[in-house]
Amino acid sequence: QVQLVESGGGLVQAGGSLRLSCAASGSISSINLMGWYRQAPGKQRELVAEITSGGSTNYVDSVKGRFTISRENANNAVYLQMNSLKPEDTAVYYCRARRGYVYYWGQGTQVTVSS
């Protein structure tokens, strides 16, 4: 089992920044992919960004140039630096990890961007 704990969410004004953190514990060997998803009220959960153990990244178009995902393999952590936040970025943000072919999810952290 892999446990994921997110932190760093909160309330910020449009144009501001937040940094989300996700710490992995448990059976963390062979985690080959980590990422961030988000779910706004009434909408489906969507991929925001993901990063492989080798450092390759992928972003949804709406956050390119504003968000940066990074990973510390030694600390089994993944981060999401969010700049130039917009009200449409408001959502619950979830950390996800893949170990082999099994996916694990964190409990989520709320990000609210006021206009």
C-alpha atoms as a PDB file:
ATOM      1  CA  GLN A   1       0.000   0.000   0.000  1.00  0.00           C
ATOM      2  CA  VAL A   2       0.991   3.582  -0.627  1.00  0.00           C
ATOM      3  CA  GLN A   3      -0.293   6.459   1.448  1.00  0.00           C
ATOM      4  CA  LEU A   4      -0.375   9.961   0.000  1.00  0.00           C
ATOM      5  CA  VAL A   5      -0.838  13.122   2.041  1.00  0.00           C
ATOM      6  CA  GLU A   6      -1.359  16.473   0.349  1.00  0.00           C
ATOM      7  CA  SER A   7      -0.791  19.889   1.848  1.00  0.00           C
ATOM      8  CA  GLY A   8      -0.522  23.501   0.767  1.00  0.00           C
ATOM      9  CA  GLY A   9      -4.023  24.318  -0.389  1.00  0.00           C
ATOM     10  CA  GLY A  10      -5.859  27.437   0.665  1.00  0.00           C
ATOM     11  CA  LEU A  11      -7.516  30.651  -0.390  1.00  0.00           C
ATOM     12  CA  VAL A  12      -5.673  33.040  -2.689  1.00  0.00           C
ATOM     13  CA  GLN A  13      -6.574  36.006  -4.842  1.00  0.00           C
ATOM     14  CA  ALA A  14      -6.458  35.798  -8.608  1.00  0.00           C
ATOM     15  CA  GLY A  15      -2.918  36.276  -9.824  1.00  0.00           C
ATOM     16  CA  GLY A  16      -1.456  34.778  -6.675  1.00  0.00           C
ATOM     17  CA  SER A  17       0.561  31.632  -6.099  1.00  0.00           C
ATOM     18  CA  LEU A  18       0.343  28.441  -4.080  1.00  0.00           C
ATOM     19  CA  ARG A  19       2.607  25.439  -3.743  1.00  0.00           C
ATOM     20  CA  LEU A  20       1.064  22.030  -3.178  1.00  0.00           C
ATOM     21  CA  SER A  21       3.027  19.182  -1.660  1.00  0.00           C
ATOM     22  CA  CYS A  22       2.357  15.461  -1.649  1.00  0.00           C
ATOM     23  CA  ALA A  23       4.283  13.075   0.575  1.00  0.00           C
ATOM     24  CA  ALA A  24       4.244   9.355  -0.152  1.00  0.00           C
ATOM     25  CA  SER A  25       4.802   6.664   2.450  1.00  0.00           C
ATOM     26  CA  GLY A  26       4.371   2.926   2.756  1.00  0.00           C
ATOM     27  CA  SER A  27       5.400   0.651  -0.094  1.00  0.00           C
ATOM     28  CA  ILE A  28       7.008   3.423  -2.096  1.00  0.00           C
ATOM     29  CA  SER A  29       9.508   1.418  -4.074  1.00  0.00           C
ATOM     30  CA  SER A  30       8.769   1.284  -7.785  1.00  0.00           C
ATOM     31  CA  ILE A  31       6.498   4.315  -7.803  1.00  0.00           C
ATOM     32  CA  ASN A  32       6.996   5.227 -11.443  1.00  0.00           C
ATOM     33  CA  LEU A  33       4.500   8.037 -11.945  1.00  0.00           C
ATOM     34  CA  MET A  34       3.152  10.780  -9.715  1.00  0.00           C
ATOM     35  CA  GLY A  35       0.765  13.531 -10.577  1.00  0.00           C
ATOM     36  CA  TRP A  36      -1.887  16.018  -9.626  1.00  0.00           C
ATOM     37  CA  TYR A  37      -5.542  15.914 -10.556  1.00  0.00           C
ATOM     38  CA  ARG A  38      -8.304  18.340  -9.703  1.00  0.00           C
ATOM     39  CA  GLN A  39     -12.048  18.270  -9.430  1.00  0.00           C
ATOM     40  CA  ALA A  40     -14.231  21.346  -9.437  1.00  0.00           C
ATOM     41  CA  PRO A  41     -17.844  21.240  -8.232  1.00  0.00           C
ATOM     42  CA  GLY A  42     -20.069  19.602 -10.811  1.00  0.00           C
ATOM     43  CA  LYS A  43     -17.148  18.622 -13.019  1.00  0.00           C
ATOM     44  CA  GLN A  44     -15.182  15.483 -13.661  1.00  0.00           C
ATOM     45  CA  ARG A  45     -11.780  14.962 -12.150  1.00  0.00           C
ATOM     46  CA  GLU A  46      -9.084  15.991 -14.609  1.00  0.00           C
ATOM     47  CA  LEU A  47      -5.357  15.600 -14.930  1.00  0.00           C
ATOM     48  CA  VAL A  48      -3.418  18.756 -14.110  1.00  0.00           C
ATOM     49  CA  ALA A  49       0.163  17.551 -14.369  1.00  0.00           C
ATOM     50  CA  GLU A  50       2.190  14.393 -13.992  1.00  0.00           C
ATOM     51  CA  ILE A  51       5.836  13.459 -13.756  1.00  0.00           C
ATOM     52  CA  THR A  52       7.643  10.176 -14.269  1.00  0.00           C
ATOM     53  CA  SER A  53      10.442   8.835 -12.109  1.00  0.00           C
ATOM     54  CA  GLY A  54      12.786   9.945 -14.878  1.00  0.00           C
ATOM     55  CA  GLY A  55      11.522  13.519 -14.762  1.00  0.00           C
ATOM     56  CA  SER A  56       9.355  13.640 -17.885  1.00  0.00           C
ATOM     57  CA  THR A  57       6.356  15.904 -17.401  1.00  0.00           C
ATOM     58  CA  ASN A  58       2.925  16.364 -18.896  1.00  0.00           C
ATOM     59  CA  TYR A  59       0.493  19.233 -18.331  1.00  0.00           C
ATOM     60  CA  VAL A  60      -3.074  19.997 -19.245  1.00  0.00           C
ATOM     61  CA  ASP A  61      -3.136  22.878 -21.722  1.00  0.00           C
ATOM     62  CA  SER A  62      -4.954  25.238 -19.362  1.00  0.00           C
ATOM     63  CA  VAL A  63      -2.067  25.316 -16.866  1.00  0.00           C
ATOM     64  CA  LYS A  64       0.929  25.289 -19.194  1.00  0.00           C
ATOM     65  CA  GLY A  65       3.234  28.189 -18.443  1.00  0.00           C
ATOM     66  CA  ARG A  66       1.618  28.778 -15.039  1.00  0.00           C
ATOM     67  CA  PHE A  67       2.057  25.514 -13.109  1.00  0.00           C
ATOM     68  CA  THR A  68       5.217  23.499 -12.570  1.00  0.00           C
ATOM     69  CA  ILE A  69       5.363  19.944 -11.269  1.00  0.00           C
ATOM     70  CA  SER A  70       8.502  18.653  -9.608  1.00  0.00           C
ATOM     71  CA  ARG A  71       9.535  15.548  -7.756  1.00  0.00           C
ATOM     72  CA  GLU A  72      12.032  14.614  -5.077  1.00  0.00           C
ATOM     73  CA  ASN A  73      12.655  10.895  -5.407  1.00  0.00           C
ATOM     74  CA  ALA A  74      14.777  10.834  -2.254  1.00  0.00           C
ATOM     75  CA  ASN A  75      11.912  12.244  -0.195  1.00  0.00           C
ATOM     76  CA  ASN A  76       9.187  10.469  -2.155  1.00  0.00           C
ATOM     77  CA  ALA A  77       7.439  13.766  -2.642  1.00  0.00           C
ATOM     78  CA  VAL A  78       5.866  15.610  -5.518  1.00  0.00           C
ATOM     79  CA  TYR A  79       5.127  19.307  -5.695  1.00  0.00           C
ATOM     80  CA  LEU A  80       2.936  21.577  -7.759  1.00  0.00           C
ATOM     81  CA  GLN A  81       3.942  25.223  -7.983  1.00  0.00           C
ATOM     82  CA  MET A  82       0.931  27.203  -9.135  1.00  0.00           C
ATOM     83  CA  ASN A  83       1.437  30.774 -10.321  1.00  0.00           C
ATOM     84  CA  SER A  84      -0.894  33.302 -11.909  1.00  0.00           C
ATOM     85  CA  LEU A  85      -3.854  31.510 -10.409  1.00  0.00           C
ATOM     86  CA  LYS A  86      -7.288  32.086 -11.888  1.00  0.00           C
ATOM     87  CA  PRO A  87     -10.758  31.616 -10.400  1.00  0.00           C
ATOM     88  CA  GLU A  88     -11.252  28.675 -12.761  1.00  0.00           C
ATOM     89  CA  ASP A  89      -8.394  26.893 -10.998  1.00  0.00           C
ATOM     90  CA  THR A  90     -10.635  26.537  -7.942  1.00  0.00           C
ATOM     91  CA  ALA A  91     -11.001  22.849  -7.171  1.00  0.00           C
ATOM     92  CA  VAL A  92      -9.999  20.053  -4.853  1.00  0.00           C
ATOM     93  CA  TYR A  93      -6.522  18.952  -5.890  1.00  0.00           C
ATOM     94  CA  TYR A  94      -5.592  15.300  -5.533  1.00  0.00           C
ATOM     95  CA  CYS A  95      -2.220  13.621  -5.613  1.00  0.00           C
ATOM     96  CA  ARG A  96      -1.980  10.324  -7.473  1.00  0.00           C
ATOM     97  CA  ALA A  97       0.811   7.779  -7.609  1.00  0.00           C
ATOM     98  CA  ARG A  98       1.263   4.712  -9.764  1.00  0.00           C
ATOM     99  CA  ARG A  99       3.180   1.730  -8.457  1.00  0.00           C
ATOM    100  CA  GLY A 100       3.404  -0.933 -11.069  1.00  0.00           C
ATOM    101  CA  TYR A 101      -0.133  -0.982 -12.471  1.00  0.00           C
ATOM    102  CA  VAL A 102      -1.857   0.114  -9.267  1.00  0.00           C
ATOM    103  CA  TYR A 103      -2.950   3.686  -8.639  1.00  0.00           C
ATOM    104  CA  TYR A 104      -3.187   5.377  -5.261  1.00  0.00           C
ATOM    105  CA  TRP A 105      -4.923   8.624  -4.363  1.00  0.00           C
ATOM    106  CA  GLY A 106      -4.567  11.165  -1.607  1.00  0.00           C
ATOM    107  CA  GLN A 107      -7.502  12.706   0.224  1.00  0.00           C
ATOM    108  CA  GLY A 108      -7.272  16.018  -1.601  1.00  0.00           C
ATOM    109  CA  THR A 109      -6.619  19.620  -0.672  1.00  0.00           C
ATOM    110  CA  GLN A 110      -8.906  22.540  -1.453  1.00  0.00           C
ATOM    111  CA  VAL A 111      -7.643  25.396  -3.601  1.00  0.00           C
ATOM    112  CA  THR A 112      -9.900  28.439  -3.851  1.00  0.00           C
ATOM    113  CA  VAL A 113      -9.035  31.395  -6.062  1.00  0.00           C
ATOM    114  CA  SER A 114     -11.057  34.550  -5.527  1.00  0.00           C
ATOM    115  CA  SER A 115     -11.588  37.128  -8.249  1.00  0.00           C
END
